[in-house]
Amino acid sequence: MYRFSDKDYSAIWMQCAHQGAELNVSGDYLQCPAHGSEYDNRGQITNGPADRNLRTFPVTINKNELFIDLRKI
């Protein structure tokens, strides 16, 4: 999960879209240790071999609580 502002968050499934390896966090980007695919902190692919973005989840804010809807793709 990344926080961009008080009302802007990104919840990302940390599994590479290429072959499912767990991603490593490196600053504002995510990297696959298996084959080098890279993603930005919103889950958008920036470097292959993966050919699709990461799975993300809607984040809502209610007062001081964050809710991540894991049912939606």
C-alpha atoms as a PDB file:
ATOM      1  CA  MET A   1       0.000   0.000   0.000  1.00  0.00           C
ATOM      2  CA  TYR A   2       1.252   3.448  -0.924  1.00  0.00           C
ATOM      3  CA  ARG A   3       0.072   6.795   0.382  1.00  0.00           C
ATOM      4  CA  PHE A   4       0.187   9.696  -2.053  1.00  0.00           C
ATOM      5  CA  SER A   5      -1.878  12.182  -0.012  1.00  0.00           C
ATOM      6  CA  ASP A   6      -4.460  12.207   2.793  1.00  0.00           C
ATOM      7  CA  LYS A   7      -7.108  10.951   0.370  1.00  0.00           C
ATOM      8  CA  ASP A   8      -5.103   9.090  -2.266  1.00  0.00           C
ATOM      9  CA  TYR A   9      -3.864   5.542  -1.624  1.00  0.00           C
ATOM     10  CA  SER A  10      -2.871   2.620  -3.812  1.00  0.00           C
ATOM     11  CA  ALA A  11      -3.390  -1.003  -2.701  1.00  0.00           C
ATOM     12  CA  ILE A  12      -1.477  -3.473  -4.865  1.00  0.00           C
ATOM     13  CA  TRP A  13      -1.220  -7.267  -5.021  1.00  0.00           C
ATOM     14  CA  MET A  14       2.525  -7.872  -4.627  1.00  0.00           C
ATOM     15  CA  GLN A  15       2.722 -10.716  -7.140  1.00  0.00           C
ATOM     16  CA  CYS A  16       4.325 -10.257 -10.568  1.00  0.00           C
ATOM     17  CA  ALA A  17       1.876 -10.453 -13.470  1.00  0.00           C
ATOM     18  CA  HIS A  18       4.466 -12.404 -15.495  1.00  0.00           C
ATOM     19  CA  GLN A  19       4.946 -15.621 -13.500  1.00  0.00           C
ATOM     20  CA  GLY A  20       3.732 -14.809 -10.007  1.00  0.00           C
ATOM     21  CA  ALA A  21       6.965 -14.130  -8.104  1.00  0.00           C
ATOM     22  CA  GLU A  22       6.705 -11.943  -5.006  1.00  0.00           C
ATOM     23  CA  LEU A  23       7.808  -8.389  -5.776  1.00  0.00           C
ATOM     24  CA  ASN A  24      10.531  -6.415  -4.035  1.00  0.00           C
ATOM     25  CA  VAL A  25       9.959  -2.782  -3.068  1.00  0.00           C
ATOM     26  CA  SER A  26      12.641  -0.323  -4.103  1.00  0.00           C
ATOM     27  CA  GLY A  27      11.596   3.245  -3.337  1.00  0.00           C
ATOM     28  CA  ASP A  28       8.704   4.203  -5.597  1.00  0.00           C
ATOM     29  CA  TYR A  29       8.825   1.118  -7.778  1.00  0.00           C
ATOM     30  CA  LEU A  30       8.334  -2.625  -7.469  1.00  0.00           C
ATOM     31  CA  GLN A  31      10.659  -5.137  -9.043  1.00  0.00           C
ATOM     32  CA  CYS A  32      10.345  -8.844  -9.798  1.00  0.00           C
ATOM     33  CA  PRO A  33      13.477 -10.710  -8.674  1.00  0.00           C
ATOM     34  CA  ALA A  34      12.766 -13.613 -11.063  1.00  0.00           C
ATOM     35  CA  HIS A  35      12.859 -11.907 -14.474  1.00  0.00           C
ATOM     36  CA  GLY A  36      13.231  -8.162 -13.853  1.00  0.00           C
ATOM     37  CA  SER A  37       9.748  -6.836 -14.566  1.00  0.00           C
ATOM     38  CA  GLU A  38       9.175  -3.440 -12.943  1.00  0.00           C
ATOM     39  CA  TYR A  39       6.053  -1.547 -11.894  1.00  0.00           C
ATOM     40  CA  ASP A  40       5.390   1.914 -10.503  1.00  0.00           C
ATOM     41  CA  ASN A  41       3.779   2.442  -7.105  1.00  0.00           C
ATOM     42  CA  ARG A  42       0.310   2.385  -8.677  1.00  0.00           C
ATOM     43  CA  GLY A  43       0.889  -1.067 -10.203  1.00  0.00           C
ATOM     44  CA  GLN A  44       1.457   0.122 -13.779  1.00  0.00           C
ATOM     45  CA  ILE A  45       4.070  -1.850 -15.705  1.00  0.00           C
ATOM     46  CA  THR A  46       7.182   0.136 -16.600  1.00  0.00           C
ATOM     47  CA  ASN A  47       9.466  -2.672 -17.812  1.00  0.00           C
ATOM     48  CA  GLY A  48       8.797  -6.251 -19.005  1.00  0.00           C
ATOM     49  CA  PRO A  49       8.809  -9.139 -19.626  1.00  0.00           C
ATOM     50  CA  ALA A  50       5.422  -8.838 -17.860  1.00  0.00           C
ATOM     51  CA  ASP A  51       2.794  -7.582 -20.290  1.00  0.00           C
ATOM     52  CA  ARG A  52       0.048  -6.394 -17.930  1.00  0.00           C
ATOM     53  CA  ASN A  53      -0.365  -4.225 -14.852  1.00  0.00           C
ATOM     54  CA  LEU A  54      -0.569  -5.552 -11.314  1.00  0.00           C
ATOM     55  CA  ARG A  55      -3.842  -6.367  -9.625  1.00  0.00           C
ATOM     56  CA  THR A  56      -5.020  -3.410  -7.558  1.00  0.00           C
ATOM     57  CA  PHE A  57      -7.817  -2.958  -5.028  1.00  0.00           C
ATOM     58  CA  PRO A  58     -10.132  -0.018  -4.343  1.00  0.00           C
ATOM     59  CA  VAL A  59      -9.294   1.949  -1.208  1.00  0.00           C
ATOM     60  CA  THR A  60     -11.933   4.006   0.600  1.00  0.00           C
ATOM     61  CA  ILE A  61     -11.527   6.283   3.589  1.00  0.00           C
ATOM     62  CA  ASN A  62     -14.138   6.699   6.314  1.00  0.00           C
ATOM     63  CA  LYS A  63     -13.125   9.168   9.004  1.00  0.00           C
ATOM     64  CA  ASN A  64      -9.692   7.909  10.102  1.00  0.00           C
ATOM     65  CA  GLU A  65     -10.037   4.353   8.781  1.00  0.00           C
ATOM     66  CA  LEU A  66      -8.889   2.880   5.485  1.00  0.00           C
ATOM     67  CA  PHE A  67     -10.819   0.075   3.834  1.00  0.00           C
ATOM     68  CA  ILE A  68      -9.384  -2.120   1.088  1.00  0.00           C
ATOM     69  CA  ASP A  69     -11.977  -4.018  -0.936  1.00  0.00           C
ATOM     70  CA  LEU A  70     -10.310  -7.355  -1.683  1.00  0.00           C
ATOM     71  CA  ARG A  71     -13.319  -8.663  -3.603  1.00  0.00           C
ATOM     72  CA  LYS A  72     -12.859  -6.389  -6.622  1.00  0.00           C
ATOM     73  CA  ILE A  73     -10.273  -6.706  -9.347  1.00  0.00           C
END
